[in-house]
Amino acid sequence: MAQDLNKRKAENPVVSIIIVVITVVIAVALLSYVNALTKPLRDKYQHEKLMSSLTGACPLKGLTFTSEPDTLKWNGTTWEFFKGRDSGGLVRCVAIITESKKGYGGEIKLLVGVDPEGKIQGIEVLEHYETPGLGDRIKTPEFRNQFKGRSLKDTKFKVKKDGGDIQQLTSATISSRAFCEAVKKALLFFDANKDTILR
């Protein structure tokens, strides 16, 4: 009996294919439904994380930020940034979202705080896929703090191994290079659009 059933299945592969297709369609539909259901929560979490990172990138007390970033197109890219204003309405710090796709594990996304003179006030890591215990040390204060107070005028934003001024992380040179690239891109954007940004 079992042999006859197996024989019929083998003789009719169309039935097997239909079953597989139906299973895949159901699985995809369920995944899409769950994704749509959880997207608002994930978006809310990401936005809250971004807003809480602003005080790390722009640590000057008493600054207020809008809940949504300003945008500006430059060099073929739409940049996003937040203006930190003091009680008098003056822009005292600009938190710029920047990224490098050259990390060891992929994209590294940062929030770089810059004062009106173009000096770095702070850096927060928004997203990365670097190796735990190695490249993910870009998040540590010891690594990030060496950028504070630096600007394009006084710093070569390359790791020391490449002739720059930034001390790379041991066994994580690729991650360090990508971090430097992302920071430099933010500073170049600010320098090229300073007058517009500080309005």
C-alpha atoms as a PDB file:
ATOM      1  CA  MET A   1       0.000   0.000   0.000  1.00  0.00           C
ATOM      2  CA  ALA A   2       2.768   2.425   1.024  1.00  0.00           C
ATOM      3  CA  GLN A   3       4.725   1.467  -2.068  1.00  0.00           C
ATOM      4  CA  ASP A   4       1.725   2.284  -4.290  1.00  0.00           C
ATOM      5  CA  LEU A   5       1.328   5.695  -2.608  1.00  0.00           C
ATOM      6  CA  ASN A   6       4.998   6.531  -3.082  1.00  0.00           C
ATOM      7  CA  LYS A   7       4.775   5.408  -6.675  1.00  0.00           C
ATOM      8  CA  ARG A   8       1.800   7.695  -7.313  1.00  0.00           C
ATOM      9  CA  LYS A   9       3.654  10.638  -5.739  1.00  0.00           C
ATOM     10  CA  ALA A  10       6.704   9.958  -7.865  1.00  0.00           C
ATOM     11  CA  GLU A  11       4.555   9.733 -10.954  1.00  0.00           C
ATOM     12  CA  ASN A  12       2.815  13.047 -10.216  1.00  0.00           C
ATOM     13  CA  PRO A  13       5.491  15.675  -9.354  1.00  0.00           C
ATOM     14  CA  VAL A  14       3.033  18.467 -10.167  1.00  0.00           C
ATOM     15  CA  VAL A  15       1.191  17.805  -6.894  1.00  0.00           C
ATOM     16  CA  SER A  16       4.432  18.144  -4.912  1.00  0.00           C
ATOM     17  CA  ILE A  17       5.315  21.381  -6.696  1.00  0.00           C
ATOM     18  CA  ILE A  18       1.865  22.852  -5.999  1.00  0.00           C
ATOM     19  CA  ILE A  19       2.161  21.964  -2.298  1.00  0.00           C
ATOM     20  CA  VAL A  20       5.589  23.618  -2.078  1.00  0.00           C
ATOM     21  CA  VAL A  21       4.365  26.744  -3.874  1.00  0.00           C
ATOM     22  CA  ILE A  22       1.312  27.039  -1.597  1.00  0.00           C
ATOM     23  CA  THR A  23       3.526  26.615   1.493  1.00  0.00           C
ATOM     24  CA  VAL A  24       5.938  29.321   0.290  1.00  0.00           C
ATOM     25  CA  VAL A  25       3.099  31.734  -0.530  1.00  0.00           C
ATOM     26  CA  ILE A  26       1.557  31.254   2.918  1.00  0.00           C
ATOM     27  CA  ALA A  27       4.948  31.729   4.622  1.00  0.00           C
ATOM     28  CA  VAL A  28       5.666  34.917   2.659  1.00  0.00           C
ATOM     29  CA  ALA A  29       2.196  36.278   3.407  1.00  0.00           C
ATOM     30  CA  LEU A  30       2.650  35.621   7.130  1.00  0.00           C
ATOM     31  CA  LEU A  31       6.088  37.260   7.172  1.00  0.00           C
ATOM     32  CA  SER A  32       4.743  40.301   5.314  1.00  0.00           C
ATOM     33  CA  TYR A  33       1.851  40.573   7.762  1.00  0.00           C
ATOM     34  CA  VAL A  34       4.143  40.373  10.811  1.00  0.00           C
ATOM     35  CA  ASN A  35       6.534  42.893   9.256  1.00  0.00           C
ATOM     36  CA  ALA A  36       3.694  45.345   8.543  1.00  0.00           C
ATOM     37  CA  LEU A  37       2.336  44.822  12.047  1.00  0.00           C
ATOM     38  CA  THR A  38       5.658  45.525  13.805  1.00  0.00           C
ATOM     39  CA  LYS A  39       6.979  48.277  11.488  1.00  0.00           C
ATOM     40  CA  PRO A  40       5.397  51.185  13.414  1.00  0.00           C
ATOM     41  CA  LEU A  41       6.956  49.909  16.650  1.00  0.00           C
ATOM     42  CA  ARG A  42      10.361  49.465  15.014  1.00  0.00           C
ATOM     43  CA  ASP A  43      10.192  52.923  13.427  1.00  0.00           C
ATOM     44  CA  LYS A  44       9.217  54.454  16.767  1.00  0.00           C
ATOM     45  CA  TYR A  45      12.134  52.726  18.506  1.00  0.00           C
ATOM     46  CA  GLN A  46      14.614  53.896  15.838  1.00  0.00           C
ATOM     47  CA  HIS A  47      13.323  57.463  16.081  1.00  0.00           C
ATOM     48  CA  GLU A  48      13.551  57.467  19.879  1.00  0.00           C
ATOM     49  CA  LYS A  49      17.092  56.083  19.666  1.00  0.00           C
ATOM     50  CA  LEU A  50      18.038  58.820  17.204  1.00  0.00           C
ATOM     51  CA  MET A  51      16.548  61.585  19.355  1.00  0.00           C
ATOM     52  CA  SER A  52      18.315  60.317  22.476  1.00  0.00           C
ATOM     53  CA  SER A  53      21.611  60.262  20.537  1.00  0.00           C
ATOM     54  CA  LEU A  54      21.367  64.002  19.822  1.00  0.00           C
ATOM     55  CA  THR A  55      22.521  64.968  23.314  1.00  0.00           C
ATOM     56  CA  GLY A  56      25.582  62.733  22.900  1.00  0.00           C
ATOM     57  CA  ALA A  57      26.520  64.273  19.567  1.00  0.00           C
ATOM     58  CA  CYS A  58      25.732  67.801  20.791  1.00  0.00           C
ATOM     59  CA  PRO A  59      26.446  67.711  24.553  1.00  0.00           C
ATOM     60  CA  LEU A  60      26.076  71.461  25.176  1.00  0.00           C
ATOM     61  CA  LYS A  61      23.308  71.874  27.761  1.00  0.00           C
ATOM     62  CA  GLY A  62      20.108  73.741  27.028  1.00  0.00           C
ATOM     63  CA  LEU A  63      19.883  72.977  23.310  1.00  0.00           C
ATOM     64  CA  THR A  64      16.556  72.164  21.697  1.00  0.00           C
ATOM     65  CA  PHE A  65      16.065  70.103  18.560  1.00  0.00           C
ATOM     66  CA  THR A  66      13.156  69.610  16.198  1.00  0.00           C
ATOM     67  CA  SER A  67      11.600  66.139  16.175  1.00  0.00           C
ATOM     68  CA  GLU A  68      12.371  65.663  12.476  1.00  0.00           C
ATOM     69  CA  PRO A  69      15.648  66.367  10.661  1.00  0.00           C
ATOM     70  CA  ASP A  70      16.321  69.097   8.134  1.00  0.00           C
ATOM     71  CA  THR A  71      17.418  67.852   4.717  1.00  0.00           C
ATOM     72  CA  LEU A  72      19.776  69.265   2.122  1.00  0.00           C
ATOM     73  CA  LYS A  73      20.910  67.820  -1.191  1.00  0.00           C
ATOM     74  CA  TRP A  74      24.667  67.971  -1.738  1.00  0.00           C
ATOM     75  CA  ASN A  75      27.107  66.037  -3.875  1.00  0.00           C
ATOM     76  CA  GLY A  76      24.370  63.736  -5.201  1.00  0.00           C
ATOM     77  CA  THR A  77      23.146  62.755  -1.731  1.00  0.00           C
ATOM     78  CA  THR A  78      20.272  63.973   0.434  1.00  0.00           C
ATOM     79  CA  TRP A  79      21.770  64.713   3.848  1.00  0.00           C
ATOM     80  CA  GLU A  80      19.821  64.742   7.107  1.00  0.00           C
ATOM     81  CA  PHE A  81      20.799  66.851  10.106  1.00  0.00           C
ATOM     82  CA  PHE A  82      19.393  68.322  13.293  1.00  0.00           C
ATOM     83  CA  LYS A  83      20.037  71.883  14.442  1.00  0.00           C
ATOM     84  CA  GLY A  84      20.640  72.364  18.146  1.00  0.00           C
ATOM     85  CA  ARG A  85      19.459  75.858  19.093  1.00  0.00           C
ATOM     86  CA  ASP A  86      20.060  77.717  22.343  1.00  0.00           C
ATOM     87  CA  SER A  87      17.399  79.675  24.245  1.00  0.00           C
ATOM     88  CA  GLY A  88      18.018  82.659  21.960  1.00  0.00           C
ATOM     89  CA  GLY A  89      17.377  80.623  18.811  1.00  0.00           C
ATOM     90  CA  LEU A  90      21.001  80.498  17.670  1.00  0.00           C
ATOM     91  CA  VAL A  91      22.327  77.271  16.158  1.00  0.00           C
ATOM     92  CA  ARG A  92      25.088  76.122  18.507  1.00  0.00           C
ATOM     93  CA  CYS A  93      25.552  72.584  17.223  1.00  0.00           C
ATOM     94  CA  VAL A  94      24.535  70.595  14.154  1.00  0.00           C
ATOM     95  CA  ALA A  95      24.093  66.814  14.419  1.00  0.00           C
ATOM     96  CA  ILE A  96      24.712  65.276  11.000  1.00  0.00           C
ATOM     97  CA  ILE A  97      23.729  61.742   9.993  1.00  0.00           C
ATOM     98  CA  THR A  98      26.579  60.235   8.002  1.00  0.00           C
ATOM     99  CA  GLU A  99      27.703  56.792   6.913  1.00  0.00           C
ATOM    100  CA  SER A 100      30.396  54.667   5.345  1.00  0.00           C
ATOM    101  CA  LYS A 101      29.722  51.429   3.494  1.00  0.00           C
ATOM    102  CA  LYS A 102      33.338  50.306   3.972  1.00  0.00           C
ATOM    103  CA  GLY A 103      33.046  48.753   7.420  1.00  0.00           C
ATOM    104  CA  TYR A 104      34.286  45.212   7.920  1.00  0.00           C
ATOM    105  CA  GLY A 105      30.707  44.028   8.360  1.00  0.00           C
ATOM    106  CA  GLY A 106      29.030  46.568   6.089  1.00  0.00           C
ATOM    107  CA  GLU A 107      27.544  50.006   6.670  1.00  0.00           C
ATOM    108  CA  ILE A 108      28.518  52.142   9.653  1.00  0.00           C
ATOM    109  CA  LYS A 109      26.079  54.971  10.407  1.00  0.00           C
ATOM    110  CA  LEU A 110      27.032  57.833  12.720  1.00  0.00           C
ATOM    111  CA  LEU A 111      25.623  61.032  14.185  1.00  0.00           C
ATOM    112  CA  VAL A 112      28.359  63.672  14.196  1.00  0.00           C
ATOM    113  CA  GLY A 113      27.877  66.863  16.208  1.00  0.00           C
ATOM    114  CA  VAL A 114      29.636  69.934  14.817  1.00  0.00           C
ATOM    115  CA  ASP A 115      29.777  73.460  16.249  1.00  0.00           C
ATOM    116  CA  PRO A 116      29.514  76.590  14.027  1.00  0.00           C
ATOM    117  CA  GLU A 117      33.314  76.636  13.628  1.00  0.00           C
ATOM    118  CA  GLY A 118      33.305  73.115  12.238  1.00  0.00           C
ATOM    119  CA  LYS A 119      34.756  71.423  15.338  1.00  0.00           C
ATOM    120  CA  ILE A 120      33.440  68.039  16.425  1.00  0.00           C
ATOM    121  CA  GLN A 121      31.471  68.157  19.666  1.00  0.00           C
ATOM    122  CA  GLY A 122      30.576  64.476  19.886  1.00  0.00           C
ATOM    123  CA  ILE A 123      29.898  61.330  17.887  1.00  0.00           C
ATOM    124  CA  GLU A 124      27.243  58.662  18.407  1.00  0.00           C
ATOM    125  CA  VAL A 125      27.136  55.315  16.601  1.00  0.00           C
ATOM    126  CA  LEU A 126      23.631  54.778  15.217  1.00  0.00           C
ATOM    127  CA  GLU A 127      24.140  51.506  13.377  1.00  0.00           C
ATOM    128  CA  HIS A 128      26.917  49.047  12.572  1.00  0.00           C
ATOM    129  CA  TYR A 129      27.562  45.385  11.780  1.00  0.00           C
ATOM    130  CA  GLU A 130      31.135  45.127  13.008  1.00  0.00           C
ATOM    131  CA  THR A 131      32.614  42.091  14.748  1.00  0.00           C
ATOM    132  CA  PRO A 132      31.823  41.899  18.493  1.00  0.00           C
ATOM    133  CA  GLY A 133      34.918  42.499  20.599  1.00  0.00           C
ATOM    134  CA  LEU A 134      36.875  43.903  17.645  1.00  0.00           C
ATOM    135  CA  GLY A 135      35.289  46.352  15.207  1.00  0.00           C
ATOM    136  CA  ASP A 136      32.358  47.092  17.485  1.00  0.00           C
ATOM    137  CA  ARG A 137      34.796  48.942  19.760  1.00  0.00           C
ATOM    138  CA  ILE A 138      34.104  51.962  17.552  1.00  0.00           C
ATOM    139  CA  LYS A 139      31.267  52.530  20.065  1.00  0.00           C
ATOM    140  CA  THR A 140      33.638  52.952  23.006  1.00  0.00           C
ATOM    141  CA  PRO A 141      34.249  56.447  24.444  1.00  0.00           C
ATOM    142  CA  GLU A 142      38.013  55.808  24.257  1.00  0.00           C
ATOM    143  CA  PHE A 143      37.852  55.590  20.473  1.00  0.00           C
ATOM    144  CA  ARG A 144      35.166  58.215  19.816  1.00  0.00           C
ATOM    145  CA  ASN A 145      36.549  60.846  22.194  1.00  0.00           C
ATOM    146  CA  GLN A 146      39.782  61.238  20.221  1.00  0.00           C
ATOM    147  CA  PHE A 147      37.681  63.023  17.560  1.00  0.00           C
ATOM    148  CA  LYS A 148      36.335  65.703  19.924  1.00  0.00           C
ATOM    149  CA  GLY A 149      37.483  69.232  19.171  1.00  0.00           C
ATOM    150  CA  ARG A 150      38.995  68.223  15.837  1.00  0.00           C
ATOM    151  CA  SER A 151      38.174  69.859  12.512  1.00  0.00           C
ATOM    152  CA  LEU A 152      39.177  69.714   8.861  1.00  0.00           C
ATOM    153  CA  LYS A 153      41.658  72.523   9.513  1.00  0.00           C
ATOM    154  CA  ASP A 154      43.797  70.653  12.023  1.00  0.00           C
ATOM    155  CA  THR A 155      43.233  66.935  11.438  1.00  0.00           C
ATOM    156  CA  LYS A 156      43.924  64.306   8.800  1.00  0.00           C
ATOM    157  CA  PHE A 157      40.898  62.049   9.201  1.00  0.00           C
ATOM    158  CA  LYS A 158      42.776  58.856   8.455  1.00  0.00           C
ATOM    159  CA  VAL A 159      44.146  56.229  10.780  1.00  0.00           C
ATOM    160  CA  LYS A 160      47.799  56.577  11.809  1.00  0.00           C
ATOM    161  CA  LYS A 161      48.602  53.435   9.832  1.00  0.00           C
ATOM    162  CA  ASP A 162      47.638  55.413   6.686  1.00  0.00           C
ATOM    163  CA  GLY A 163      49.472  58.594   7.698  1.00  0.00           C
ATOM    164  CA  GLY A 164      46.555  60.226   9.506  1.00  0.00           C
ATOM    165  CA  ASP A 165      45.961  61.526  13.040  1.00  0.00           C
ATOM    166  CA  ILE A 166      43.480  58.960  14.353  1.00  0.00           C
ATOM    167  CA  GLN A 167      44.644  56.011  16.434  1.00  0.00           C
ATOM    168  CA  GLN A 168      43.063  52.926  14.901  1.00  0.00           C
ATOM    169  CA  LEU A 169      41.619  50.109  16.963  1.00  0.00           C
ATOM    170  CA  THR A 170      43.917  47.117  17.347  1.00  0.00           C
ATOM    171  CA  SER A 171      42.877  44.317  14.969  1.00  0.00           C
ATOM    172  CA  ALA A 172      40.072  46.516  13.596  1.00  0.00           C
ATOM    173  CA  THR A 173      41.771  48.833  11.114  1.00  0.00           C
ATOM    174  CA  ILE A 174      39.023  48.432   8.503  1.00  0.00           C
ATOM    175  CA  SER A 175      36.352  49.498  10.989  1.00  0.00           C
ATOM    176  CA  SER A 176      38.505  52.446  12.090  1.00  0.00           C
ATOM    177  CA  ARG A 177      39.042  53.556   8.497  1.00  0.00           C
ATOM    178  CA  ALA A 178      35.307  53.437   7.756  1.00  0.00           C
ATOM    179  CA  PHE A 179      34.569  55.440  10.905  1.00  0.00           C
ATOM    180  CA  CYS A 180      37.081  58.115   9.828  1.00  0.00           C
ATOM    181  CA  GLU A 181      35.584  58.220   6.345  1.00  0.00           C
ATOM    182  CA  ALA A 182      32.071  58.756   7.703  1.00  0.00           C
ATOM    183  CA  VAL A 183      33.243  61.536  10.034  1.00  0.00           C
ATOM    184  CA  LYS A 184      35.180  63.322   7.291  1.00  0.00           C
ATOM    185  CA  LYS A 185      32.183  63.162   4.947  1.00  0.00           C
ATOM    186  CA  ALA A 186      30.029  64.888   7.586  1.00  0.00           C
ATOM    187  CA  LEU A 187      32.612  67.638   8.077  1.00  0.00           C
ATOM    188  CA  LEU A 188      32.978  68.202   4.333  1.00  0.00           C
ATOM    189  CA  PHE A 189      29.195  68.461   4.009  1.00  0.00           C
ATOM    190  CA  PHE A 190      29.045  70.998   6.834  1.00  0.00           C
ATOM    191  CA  ASP A 191      31.965  73.030   5.470  1.00  0.00           C
ATOM    192  CA  ALA A 192      30.424  73.218   1.980  1.00  0.00           C
ATOM    193  CA  ASN A 193      26.957  74.190   3.233  1.00  0.00           C
ATOM    194  CA  LYS A 194      27.734  76.067   6.441  1.00  0.00           C
ATOM    195  CA  ASP A 195      25.891  79.272   5.595  1.00  0.00           C
ATOM    196  CA  THR A 196      22.692  77.441   4.677  1.00  0.00           C
ATOM    197  CA  ILE A 197      22.843  75.035   7.615  1.00  0.00           C
ATOM    198  CA  LEU A 198      23.371  77.719  10.273  1.00  0.00           C
ATOM    199  CA  ARG A 199      20.374  79.817   9.257  1.00  0.00           C
END
